[in-house]
Amino acid sequence: MTNKYNKTNNNSIIAELTDNKFSINVTQDALDLMGNLGSSDCTKIIIQERNLHKDFFNLKTGLAGDILQKFSNYRVKLAIIGDFSKYKSKSLQDFIRECNKGNMTN
């Protein structure tokens, strides 16, 4: 798994998942990612939309809620980058909007 690390002005470490082949398919994959990055004292992670299984974007599966809860529990901030306009689900758009209001996910 390939990651890129950056240090911010306040000395927090941000990791970006850059491995196009790595996919978060189940909650354990997200926990493994956090565990791998934990040794670097990383508290912020950037993930591309392409690294998330399509079930993440179907809220009925519960995958998004489970994964985001793990990030919140371990106090790791998460930013998911991608084009979400292709998802026509009103509940997903509402979910994204609500997540963007908080301070744990963006």
PDB file of N, CA and C in Angstrom:
ATOM      1  N   MET A   1       0.852  -1.169   0.000  1.00  0.00           N
ATOM      2  CA  MET A   1       0.000   0.000   0.000  1.00  0.00           C
ATOM      3  C   MET A   1       0.899   1.234   0.000  1.00  0.00           C
ATOM      4  N   THR A   2       0.639   2.173  -0.877  1.00  0.00           N
ATOM      5  CA  THR A   2       1.456   3.365  -1.021  1.00  0.00           C
ATOM      6  C   THR A   2       0.754   4.550  -0.386  1.00  0.00           C
ATOM      7  N   ASN A   3       1.489   5.285   0.422  1.00  0.00           N
ATOM      8  CA  ASN A   3       0.952   6.468   1.074  1.00  0.00           C
ATOM      9  C   ASN A   3       1.945   7.601   0.947  1.00  0.00           C
ATOM     10  N   LYS A   4       1.409   8.811   0.924  1.00  0.00           N
ATOM     11  CA  LYS A   4       2.234  10.003   0.887  1.00  0.00           C
ATOM     12  C   LYS A   4       1.968  10.752   2.187  1.00  0.00           C
ATOM     13  N   TYR A   5       3.007  11.268   2.827  1.00  0.00           N
ATOM     14  CA  TYR A   5       2.869  11.959   4.093  1.00  0.00           C
ATOM     15  C   TYR A   5       3.260  13.422   3.943  1.00  0.00           C
ATOM     16  N   ASN A   6       2.516  14.282   4.616  1.00  0.00           N
ATOM     17  CA  ASN A   6       2.841  15.707   4.665  1.00  0.00           C
ATOM     18  C   ASN A   6       2.691  16.183   6.093  1.00  0.00           C
ATOM     19  N   LYS A   7       3.532  17.105   6.491  1.00  0.00           N
ATOM     20  CA  LYS A   7       3.446  17.699   7.818  1.00  0.00           C
ATOM     21  C   LYS A   7       2.860  19.094   7.669  1.00  0.00           C
ATOM     22  N   THR A   8       1.888  19.429   8.517  1.00  0.00           N
ATOM     23  CA  THR A   8       1.255  20.743   8.443  1.00  0.00           C
ATOM     24  C   THR A   8       1.980  21.736   9.342  1.00  0.00           C
ATOM     25  N   ASN A   9       1.536  22.979   9.298  1.00  0.00           N
ATOM     26  CA  ASN A   9       2.153  24.030  10.123  1.00  0.00           C
ATOM     27  C   ASN A   9       2.056  23.737  11.613  1.00  0.00           C
ATOM     28  N   ASN A  10       0.992  23.045  12.025  1.00  0.00           N
ATOM     29  CA  ASN A  10       0.858  22.733  13.450  1.00  0.00           C
ATOM     30  C   ASN A  10       1.425  21.352  13.783  1.00  0.00           C
ATOM     31  N   ASN A  11       2.294  20.845  12.919  1.00  0.00           N
ATOM     32  CA  ASN A  11       3.014  19.581  13.101  1.00  0.00           C
ATOM     33  C   ASN A  11       2.130  18.338  13.097  1.00  0.00           C
ATOM     34  N   SER A  12       0.893  18.450  12.625  1.00  0.00           N
ATOM     35  CA  SER A  12       0.104  17.225  12.469  1.00  0.00           C
ATOM     36  C   SER A  12       0.496  16.585  11.139  1.00  0.00           C
ATOM     37  N   ILE A  13       0.373  15.280  11.088  1.00  0.00           N
ATOM     38  CA  ILE A  13       0.783  14.538   9.894  1.00  0.00           C
ATOM     39  C   ILE A  13      -0.454  14.095   9.124  1.00  0.00           C
ATOM     40  N   ILE A  14      -0.456  14.397   7.833  1.00  0.00           N
ATOM     41  CA  ILE A  14      -1.549  14.012   6.944  1.00  0.00           C
ATOM     42  C   ILE A  14      -1.009  12.960   5.979  1.00  0.00           C
ATOM     43  N   ALA A  15      -1.733  11.858   5.873  1.00  0.00           N
ATOM     44  CA  ALA A  15      -1.367  10.809   4.915  1.00  0.00           C
ATOM     45  C   ALA A  15      -2.395  10.805   3.797  1.00  0.00           C
ATOM     46  N   GLU A  16      -1.922  10.560   2.587  1.00  0.00           N
ATOM     47  CA  GLU A  16      -2.813  10.404   1.455  1.00  0.00           C
ATOM     48  C   GLU A  16      -2.610   9.009   0.877  1.00  0.00           C
ATOM     49  N   LEU A  17      -3.691   8.260   0.774  1.00  0.00           N
ATOM     50  CA  LEU A  17      -3.623   6.949   0.163  1.00  0.00           C
ATOM     51  C   LEU A  17      -3.456   7.149  -1.333  1.00  0.00           C
ATOM     52  N   THR A  18      -2.335   6.712  -1.873  1.00  0.00           N
ATOM     53  CA  THR A  18      -2.029   6.946  -3.283  1.00  0.00           C
ATOM     54  C   THR A  18      -2.004   5.660  -4.103  1.00  0.00           C
ATOM     55  N   ASP A  19      -2.253   4.546  -3.454  1.00  0.00           N
ATOM     56  CA  ASP A  19      -2.248   3.251  -4.137  1.00  0.00           C
ATOM     57  C   ASP A  19      -3.579   3.052  -4.861  1.00  0.00           C
ATOM     58  N   ASN A  20      -3.550   3.090  -6.179  1.00  0.00           N
ATOM     59  CA  ASN A  20      -4.780   2.947  -6.971  1.00  0.00           C
ATOM     60  C   ASN A  20      -5.384   1.557  -6.860  1.00  0.00           C
ATOM     61  N   LYS A  21      -4.602   0.585  -6.455  1.00  0.00           N
ATOM     62  CA  LYS A  21      -5.097  -0.791  -6.392  1.00  0.00           C
ATOM     63  C   LYS A  21      -5.679  -1.147  -5.029  1.00  0.00           C
ATOM     64  N   PHE A  22      -5.403  -0.356  -4.012  1.00  0.00           N
ATOM     65  CA  PHE A  22      -5.919  -0.652  -2.672  1.00  0.00           C
ATOM     66  C   PHE A  22      -7.380  -0.238  -2.601  1.00  0.00           C
ATOM     67  N   SER A  23      -8.208  -1.132  -2.081  1.00  0.00           N
ATOM     68  CA  SER A  23      -9.633  -0.842  -1.963  1.00  0.00           C
ATOM     69  C   SER A  23     -10.110  -1.141  -0.550  1.00  0.00           C
ATOM     70  N   ILE A  24     -10.888  -0.245  -0.019  1.00  0.00           N
ATOM     71  CA  ILE A  24     -11.522  -0.461   1.274  1.00  0.00           C
ATOM     72  C   ILE A  24     -12.874  -1.099   0.976  1.00  0.00           C
ATOM     73  N   ASN A  25     -12.939  -2.409   1.166  1.00  0.00           N
ATOM     74  CA  ASN A  25     -14.143  -3.181   0.848  1.00  0.00           C
ATOM     75  C   ASN A  25     -14.997  -3.467   2.075  1.00  0.00           C
ATOM     76  N   VAL A  26     -14.359  -3.571   3.219  1.00  0.00           N
ATOM     77  CA  VAL A  26     -15.040  -3.872   4.479  1.00  0.00           C
ATOM     78  C   VAL A  26     -14.428  -2.997   5.570  1.00  0.00           C
ATOM     79  N   THR A  27     -15.102  -2.918   6.693  1.00  0.00           N
ATOM     80  CA  THR A  27     -14.651  -2.063   7.791  1.00  0.00           C
ATOM     81  C   THR A  27     -13.237  -2.419   8.229  1.00  0.00           C
ATOM     82  N   GLN A  28     -12.905  -3.701   8.237  1.00  0.00           N
ATOM     83  CA  GLN A  28     -11.565  -4.122   8.662  1.00  0.00           C
ATOM     84  C   GLN A  28     -10.476  -3.512   7.790  1.00  0.00           C
ATOM     85  N   ASP A  29     -10.752  -3.310   6.510  1.00  0.00           N
ATOM     86  CA  ASP A  29      -9.770  -2.670   5.621  1.00  0.00           C
ATOM     87  C   ASP A  29      -9.449  -1.258   6.107  1.00  0.00           C
ATOM     88  N   ALA A  30     -10.454  -0.532   6.563  1.00  0.00           N
ATOM     89  CA  ALA A  30     -10.235   0.818   7.080  1.00  0.00           C
ATOM     90  C   ALA A  30      -9.428   0.763   8.374  1.00  0.00           C
ATOM     91  N   LEU A  31      -9.735  -0.204   9.221  1.00  0.00           N
ATOM     92  CA  LEU A  31      -8.974  -0.364  10.467  1.00  0.00           C
ATOM     93  C   LEU A  31      -7.521  -0.714  10.175  1.00  0.00           C
ATOM     94  N   ASP A  32      -7.303  -1.581   9.185  1.00  0.00           N
ATOM     95  CA  ASP A  32      -5.935  -1.939   8.798  1.00  0.00           C
ATOM     96  C   ASP A  32      -5.186  -0.713   8.279  1.00  0.00           C
ATOM     97  N   LEU A  33      -5.860   0.107   7.496  1.00  0.00           N
ATOM     98  CA  LEU A  33      -5.247   1.333   6.975  1.00  0.00           C
ATOM     99  C   LEU A  33      -4.835   2.246   8.127  1.00  0.00           C
ATOM    100  N   MET A  34      -5.746   2.451   9.069  1.00  0.00           N
ATOM    101  CA  MET A  34      -5.411   3.295  10.221  1.00  0.00           C
ATOM    102  C   MET A  34      -4.267   2.700  11.024  1.00  0.00           C
ATOM    103  N   GLY A  35      -4.263   1.381  11.183  1.00  0.00           N
ATOM    104  CA  GLY A  35      -3.190   0.727  11.921  1.00  0.00           C
ATOM    105  C   GLY A  35      -1.846   0.911  11.248  1.00  0.00           C
ATOM    106  N   ASN A  36      -1.821   0.783   9.929  1.00  0.00           N
ATOM    107  CA  ASN A  36      -0.577   0.972   9.177  1.00  0.00           C
ATOM    108  C   ASN A  36      -0.065   2.396   9.285  1.00  0.00           C
ATOM    109  N   LEU A  37      -0.974   3.343   9.338  1.00  0.00           N
ATOM    110  CA  LEU A  37      -0.572   4.745   9.399  1.00  0.00           C
ATOM    111  C   LEU A  37      -0.314   5.216  10.823  1.00  0.00           C
ATOM    112  N   GLY A  38      -0.813   4.463  11.781  1.00  0.00           N
ATOM    113  CA  GLY A  38      -0.660   4.851  13.179  1.00  0.00           C
ATOM    114  C   GLY A  38       0.778   4.940  13.635  1.00  0.00           C
ATOM    115  N   SER A  39       1.640   4.127  13.060  1.00  0.00           N
ATOM    116  CA  SER A  39       3.048   4.148  13.460  1.00  0.00           C
ATOM    117  C   SER A  39       3.727   5.454  13.071  1.00  0.00           C
ATOM    118  N   SER A  40       3.118   6.213  12.179  1.00  0.00           N
ATOM    119  CA  SER A  40       3.702   7.494  11.764  1.00  0.00           C
ATOM    120  C   SER A  40       3.060   8.672  12.503  1.00  0.00           C
ATOM    121  N   ASP A  41       2.241   8.382  13.512  1.00  0.00           N
ATOM    122  CA  ASP A  41       1.525   9.413  14.271  1.00  0.00           C
ATOM    123  C   ASP A  41       0.583  10.222  13.389  1.00  0.00           C
ATOM    124  N   CYS A  42       0.099   9.617  12.355  1.00  0.00           N
ATOM    125  CA  CYS A  42      -0.811  10.271  11.423  1.00  0.00           C
ATOM    126  C   CYS A  42      -2.193  10.393  12.066  1.00  0.00           C
ATOM    127  N   THR A  43      -2.783  11.579  12.020  1.00  0.00           N
ATOM    128  CA  THR A  43      -4.117  11.800  12.571  1.00  0.00           C
ATOM    129  C   THR A  43      -5.104  12.291  11.521  1.00  0.00           C
ATOM    130  N   LYS A  44      -4.649  12.379  10.269  1.00  0.00           N
ATOM    131  CA  LYS A  44      -5.507  12.834   9.175  1.00  0.00           C
ATOM    132  C   LYS A  44      -5.188  12.006   7.937  1.00  0.00           C
ATOM    133  N   ILE A  45      -6.248  11.546   7.258  1.00  0.00           N
ATOM    134  CA  ILE A  45      -6.063  10.706   6.085  1.00  0.00           C
ATOM    135  C   ILE A  45      -6.915  11.228   4.934  1.00  0.00           C
ATOM    136  N   ILE A  46      -6.321  11.245   3.747  1.00  0.00           N
ATOM    137  CA  ILE A  46      -7.035  11.588   2.520  1.00  0.00           C
ATOM    138  C   ILE A  46      -7.170  10.308   1.706  1.00  0.00           C
ATOM    139  N   ILE A  47      -8.410  10.003   1.307  1.00  0.00           N
ATOM    140  CA  ILE A  47      -8.701   8.814   0.509  1.00  0.00           C
ATOM    141  C   ILE A  47      -9.432   9.255  -0.747  1.00  0.00           C
ATOM    142  N   GLN A  48      -9.079   8.663  -1.852  1.00  0.00           N
ATOM    143  CA  GLN A  48      -9.777   8.925  -3.109  1.00  0.00           C
ATOM    144  C   GLN A  48     -11.053   8.080  -3.167  1.00  0.00           C
ATOM    145  N   GLU A  49     -12.050   8.599  -3.801  1.00  0.00           N
ATOM    146  CA  GLU A  49     -13.307   7.869  -4.006  1.00  0.00           C
ATOM    147  C   GLU A  49     -13.047   6.490  -4.605  1.00  0.00           C
ATOM    148  N   ARG A  50     -12.107   6.391  -5.509  1.00  0.00           N
ATOM    149  CA  ARG A  50     -11.827   5.121  -6.193  1.00  0.00           C
ATOM    150  C   ARG A  50     -11.309   4.041  -5.239  1.00  0.00           C
ATOM    151  N   ASN A  51     -10.836   4.441  -4.062  1.00  0.00           N
ATOM    152  CA  ASN A  51     -10.328   3.478  -3.090  1.00  0.00           C
ATOM    153  C   ASN A  51     -11.425   2.906  -2.194  1.00  0.00           C
ATOM    154  N   LEU A  52     -12.659   3.341  -2.405  1.00  0.00           N
ATOM    155  CA  LEU A  52     -13.775   2.863  -1.599  1.00  0.00           C
ATOM    156  C   LEU A  52     -14.678   1.964  -2.435  1.00  0.00           C
ATOM    157  N   HIS A  53     -15.070   0.851  -1.866  1.00  0.00           N
ATOM    158  CA  HIS A  53     -15.979  -0.075  -2.544  1.00  0.00           C
ATOM    159  C   HIS A  53     -17.284   0.648  -2.863  1.00  0.00           C
ATOM    160  N   LYS A  54     -17.930   0.272  -3.939  1.00  0.00           N
ATOM    161  CA  LYS A  54     -19.166   0.944  -4.360  1.00  0.00           C
ATOM    162  C   LYS A  54     -20.255   0.864  -3.289  1.00  0.00           C
ATOM    163  N   ASP A  55     -20.214  -0.153  -2.432  1.00  0.00           N
ATOM    164  CA  ASP A  55     -21.203  -0.258  -1.350  1.00  0.00           C
ATOM    165  C   ASP A  55     -21.091   0.883  -0.349  1.00  0.00           C
ATOM    166  N   PHE A  56     -19.930   1.504  -0.276  1.00  0.00           N
ATOM    167  CA  PHE A  56     -19.759   2.651   0.616  1.00  0.00           C
ATOM    168  C   PHE A  56     -20.767   3.743   0.266  1.00  0.00           C
ATOM    169  N   PHE A  57     -21.057   3.897  -1.007  1.00  0.00           N
ATOM    170  CA  PHE A  57     -21.920   4.971  -1.483  1.00  0.00           C
ATOM    171  C   PHE A  57     -23.391   4.561  -1.546  1.00  0.00           C
ATOM    172  N   ASN A  58     -23.694   3.346  -1.128  1.00  0.00           N
ATOM    173  CA  ASN A  58     -25.069   2.881  -0.972  1.00  0.00           C
ATOM    174  C   ASN A  58     -25.319   2.814   0.535  1.00  0.00           C
ATOM    175  N   LEU A  59     -25.944   3.830   1.082  1.00  0.00           N
ATOM    176  CA  LEU A  59     -26.068   3.943   2.537  1.00  0.00           C
ATOM    177  C   LEU A  59     -26.829   2.777   3.160  1.00  0.00           C
ATOM    178  N   LYS A  60     -27.641   2.101   2.399  1.00  0.00           N
ATOM    179  CA  LYS A  60     -28.410   0.966   2.928  1.00  0.00           C
ATOM    180  C   LYS A  60     -27.504  -0.169   3.389  1.00  0.00           C
ATOM    181  N   THR A  61     -26.292  -0.251   2.852  1.00  0.00           N
ATOM    182  CA  THR A  61     -25.376  -1.324   3.244  1.00  0.00           C
ATOM    183  C   THR A  61     -24.793  -1.096   4.633  1.00  0.00           C
ATOM    184  N   GLY A  62     -24.766   0.160   5.087  1.00  0.00           N
ATOM    185  CA  GLY A  62     -24.197   0.480   6.394  1.00  0.00           C
ATOM    186  C   GLY A  62     -22.684   0.609   6.389  1.00  0.00           C
ATOM    187  N   LEU A  63     -22.051   0.350   5.251  1.00  0.00           N
ATOM    188  CA  LEU A  63     -20.588   0.382   5.195  1.00  0.00           C
ATOM    189  C   LEU A  63     -20.029   1.776   5.492  1.00  0.00           C
ATOM    190  N   ALA A  64     -20.624   2.799   4.913  1.00  0.00           N
ATOM    191  CA  ALA A  64     -20.137   4.169   5.145  1.00  0.00           C
ATOM    192  C   ALA A  64     -20.228   4.526   6.624  1.00  0.00           C
ATOM    193  N   GLY A  65     -21.356   4.243   7.230  1.00  0.00           N
ATOM    194  CA  GLY A  65     -21.527   4.560   8.651  1.00  0.00           C
ATOM    195  C   GLY A  65     -20.542   3.816   9.525  1.00  0.00           C
ATOM    196  N   ASP A  66     -20.336   2.532   9.237  1.00  0.00           N
ATOM    197  CA  ASP A  66     -19.392   1.728  10.017  1.00  0.00           C
ATOM    198  C   ASP A  66     -17.971   2.262   9.899  1.00  0.00           C
ATOM    199  N   ILE A  67     -17.568   2.563   8.681  1.00  0.00           N
ATOM    200  CA  ILE A  67     -16.206   3.047   8.461  1.00  0.00           C
ATOM    201  C   ILE A  67     -16.000   4.419   9.093  1.00  0.00           C
ATOM    202  N   LEU A  68     -16.936   5.321   8.876  1.00  0.00           N
ATOM    203  CA  LEU A  68     -16.790   6.663   9.451  1.00  0.00           C
ATOM    204  C   LEU A  68     -16.813   6.617  10.972  1.00  0.00           C
ATOM    205  N   GLN A  69     -17.572   5.697  11.537  1.00  0.00           N
ATOM    206  CA  GLN A  69     -17.597   5.548  12.998  1.00  0.00           C
ATOM    207  C   GLN A  69     -16.229   5.121  13.525  1.00  0.00           C
ATOM    208  N   LYS A  70     -15.559   4.228  12.804  1.00  0.00           N
ATOM    209  CA  LYS A  70     -14.216   3.792  13.229  1.00  0.00           C
ATOM    210  C   LYS A  70     -13.232   4.956  13.198  1.00  0.00           C
ATOM    211  N   PHE A  71     -13.287   5.767  12.141  1.00  0.00           N
ATOM    212  CA  PHE A  71     -12.398   6.926  12.084  1.00  0.00           C
ATOM    213  C   PHE A  71     -12.682   7.869  13.249  1.00  0.00           C
ATOM    214  N   SER A  72     -13.944   8.069  13.553  1.00  0.00           N
ATOM    215  CA  SER A  72     -14.325   8.940  14.667  1.00  0.00           C
ATOM    216  C   SER A  72     -13.850   8.350  15.998  1.00  0.00           C
ATOM    217  N   ASN A  73     -14.069   7.056  16.199  1.00  0.00           N
ATOM    218  CA  ASN A  73     -13.658   6.396  17.449  1.00  0.00           C
ATOM    219  C   ASN A  73     -12.161   6.554  17.711  1.00  0.00           C
ATOM    220  N   TYR A  74     -11.370   6.441  16.652  1.00  0.00           N
ATOM    221  CA  TYR A  74      -9.915   6.517  16.791  1.00  0.00           C
ATOM    222  C   TYR A  74      -9.377   7.930  16.590  1.00  0.00           C
ATOM    223  N   ARG A  75     -10.296   8.884  16.481  1.00  0.00           N
ATOM    224  CA  ARG A  75      -9.958  10.305  16.341  1.00  0.00           C
ATOM    225  C   ARG A  75      -9.000  10.574  15.174  1.00  0.00           C
ATOM    226  N   VAL A  76      -9.293   9.933  14.063  1.00  0.00           N
ATOM    227  CA  VAL A  76      -8.539  10.143  12.836  1.00  0.00           C
ATOM    228  C   VAL A  76      -9.457  10.887  11.872  1.00  0.00           C
ATOM    229  N   LYS A  77      -9.035  12.060  11.459  1.00  0.00           N
ATOM    230  CA  LYS A  77      -9.839  12.844  10.524  1.00  0.00           C
ATOM    231  C   LYS A  77      -9.700  12.265   9.127  1.00  0.00           C
ATOM    232  N   LEU A  78     -10.806  12.271   8.405  1.00  0.00           N
ATOM    233  CA  LEU A  78     -10.850  11.652   7.090  1.00  0.00           C
ATOM    234  C   LEU A  78     -11.389  12.631   6.064  1.00  0.00           C
ATOM    235  N   ALA A  79     -10.702  12.718   4.934  1.00  0.00           N
ATOM    236  CA  ALA A  79     -11.200  13.481   3.781  1.00  0.00           C
ATOM    237  C   ALA A  79     -11.306  12.494   2.616  1.00  0.00           C
ATOM    238  N   ILE A  80     -12.466  12.479   1.994  1.00  0.00           N
ATOM    239  CA  ILE A  80     -12.686  11.630   0.824  1.00  0.00           C
ATOM    240  C   ILE A  80     -12.827  12.550  -0.373  1.00  0.00           C
ATOM    241  N   ILE A  81     -11.968  12.345  -1.356  1.00  0.00           N
ATOM    242  CA  ILE A  81     -11.922  13.218  -2.527  1.00  0.00           C
ATOM    243  C   ILE A  81     -12.453  12.472  -3.738  1.00  0.00           C
ATOM    244  N   GLY A  82     -13.314  13.138  -4.494  1.00  0.00           N
ATOM    245  CA  GLY A  82     -13.827  12.516  -5.710  1.00  0.00           C
ATOM    246  C   GLY A  82     -14.967  13.317  -6.289  1.00  0.00           C
ATOM    247  N   ASP A  83     -15.531  12.797  -7.349  1.00  0.00           N
ATOM    248  CA  ASP A  83     -16.695  13.409  -7.991  1.00  0.00           C
ATOM    249  C   ASP A  83     -17.929  12.657  -7.525  1.00  0.00           C
ATOM    250  N   PHE A  84     -18.681  13.264  -6.635  1.00  0.00           N
ATOM    251  CA  PHE A  84     -19.841  12.608  -6.046  1.00  0.00           C
ATOM    252  C   PHE A  84     -21.143  12.995  -6.746  1.00  0.00           C
ATOM    253  N   SER A  85     -21.058  13.820  -7.776  1.00  0.00           N
ATOM    254  CA  SER A  85     -22.262  14.260  -8.476  1.00  0.00           C
ATOM    255  C   SER A  85     -22.924  13.107  -9.239  1.00  0.00           C
ATOM    256  N   LYS A  86     -22.172  12.065  -9.515  1.00  0.00           N
ATOM    257  CA  LYS A  86     -22.740  10.924 -10.251  1.00  0.00           C
ATOM    258  C   LYS A  86     -23.660  10.080  -9.384  1.00  0.00           C
ATOM    259  N   TYR A  87     -23.600  10.265  -8.073  1.00  0.00           N
ATOM    260  CA  TYR A  87     -24.475   9.528  -7.169  1.00  0.00           C
ATOM    261  C   TYR A  87     -25.758  10.331  -6.993  1.00  0.00           C
ATOM    262  N   LYS A  88     -26.848   9.792  -7.479  1.00  0.00           N
ATOM    263  CA  LYS A  88     -28.105  10.537  -7.515  1.00  0.00           C
ATOM    264  C   LYS A  88     -28.950  10.358  -6.254  1.00  0.00           C
ATOM    265  N   SER A  89     -28.500   9.537  -5.322  1.00  0.00           N
ATOM    266  CA  SER A  89     -29.252   9.282  -4.096  1.00  0.00           C
ATOM    267  C   SER A  89     -29.336  10.559  -3.247  1.00  0.00           C
ATOM    268  N   LYS A  90     -30.556  10.992  -2.968  1.00  0.00           N
ATOM    269  CA  LYS A  90     -30.745  12.182  -2.133  1.00  0.00           C
ATOM    270  C   LYS A  90     -30.181  11.943  -0.726  1.00  0.00           C
ATOM    271  N   SER A  91     -30.395  10.738  -0.203  1.00  0.00           N
ATOM    272  CA  SER A  91     -29.890  10.458   1.144  1.00  0.00           C
ATOM    273  C   SER A  91     -28.363  10.499   1.187  1.00  0.00           C
ATOM    274  N   LEU A  92     -27.700  10.046   0.132  1.00  0.00           N
ATOM    275  CA  LEU A  92     -26.235  10.122   0.086  1.00  0.00           C
ATOM    276  C   LEU A  92     -25.783  11.571  -0.011  1.00  0.00           C
ATOM    277  N   GLN A  93     -26.426  12.353  -0.857  1.00  0.00           N
ATOM    278  CA  GLN A  93     -26.075  13.776  -0.977  1.00  0.00           C
ATOM    279  C   GLN A  93     -26.273  14.488   0.365  1.00  0.00           C
ATOM    280  N   ASP A  94     -27.363  14.169   1.084  1.00  0.00           N
ATOM    281  CA  ASP A  94     -27.605  14.739   2.407  1.00  0.00           C
ATOM    282  C   ASP A  94     -26.523  14.297   3.389  1.00  0.00           C
ATOM    283  N   PHE A  95     -26.135  13.030   3.306  1.00  0.00           N
ATOM    284  CA  PHE A  95     -25.094  12.480   4.165  1.00  0.00           C
ATOM    285  C   PHE A  95     -23.768  13.201   3.933  1.00  0.00           C
ATOM    286  N   ILE A  96     -23.421  13.403   2.681  1.00  0.00           N
ATOM    287  CA  ILE A  96     -22.182  14.110   2.343  1.00  0.00           C
ATOM    288  C   ILE A  96     -22.224  15.540   2.877  1.00  0.00           C
ATOM    289  N   ARG A  97     -23.347  16.195   2.688  1.00  0.00           N
ATOM    290  CA  ARG A  97     -23.501  17.568   3.169  1.00  0.00           C
ATOM    291  C   ARG A  97     -23.327  17.642   4.687  1.00  0.00           C
ATOM    292  N   GLU A  98     -23.936  16.703   5.412  1.00  0.00           N
ATOM    293  CA  GLU A  98     -23.823  16.682   6.868  1.00  0.00           C
ATOM    294  C   GLU A  98     -22.388  16.394   7.305  1.00  0.00           C
ATOM    295  N   CYS A  99     -21.727  15.457   6.623  1.00  0.00           N
ATOM    296  CA  CYS A  99     -20.333  15.148   6.960  1.00  0.00           C
ATOM    297  C   CYS A  99     -19.441  16.377   6.758  1.00  0.00           C
ATOM    298  N   ASN A 100     -19.721  17.136   5.717  1.00  0.00           N
ATOM    299  CA  ASN A 100     -18.909  18.324   5.440  1.00  0.00           C
ATOM    300  C   ASN A 100     -19.094  19.414   6.494  1.00  0.00           C
ATOM    301  N   LYS A 101     -20.180  19.371   7.233  1.00  0.00           N
ATOM    302  CA  LYS A 101     -20.414  20.343   8.305  1.00  0.00           C
ATOM    303  C   LYS A 101     -19.609  20.021   9.557  1.00  0.00           C
ATOM    304  N   GLY A 102     -19.288  18.746   9.730  1.00  0.00           N
ATOM    305  CA  GLY A 102     -18.578  18.313  10.933  1.00  0.00           C
ATOM    306  C   GLY A 102     -17.097  18.589  10.840  1.00  0.00           C
ATOM    307  N   ASN A 103     -16.367  18.090  11.841  1.00  0.00           N
ATOM    308  CA  ASN A 103     -14.918  18.321  11.825  1.00  0.00           C
ATOM    309  C   ASN A 103     -14.114  17.024  11.799  1.00  0.00           C
ATOM    310  N   MET A 104     -14.787  15.883  11.578  1.00  0.00           N
ATOM    311  CA  MET A 104     -14.055  14.615  11.493  1.00  0.00           C
ATOM    312  C   MET A 104     -13.921  14.112  10.070  1.00  0.00           C
ATOM    313  N   THR A 105     -14.870  14.459   9.197  1.00  0.00           N
ATOM    314  CA  THR A 105     -14.815  14.025   7.798  1.00  0.00           C
ATOM    315  C   THR A 105     -15.056  15.204   6.900  1.00  0.00           C
ATOM    316  N   ASN A 106     -14.514  15.132   5.676  1.00  0.00           N
ATOM    317  CA  ASN A 106     -14.715  16.200   4.698  1.00  0.00           C
ATOM    318  C   ASN A 106     -14.874  15.583   3.333  1.00  0.00           C
TER     319      ASN A 106
END
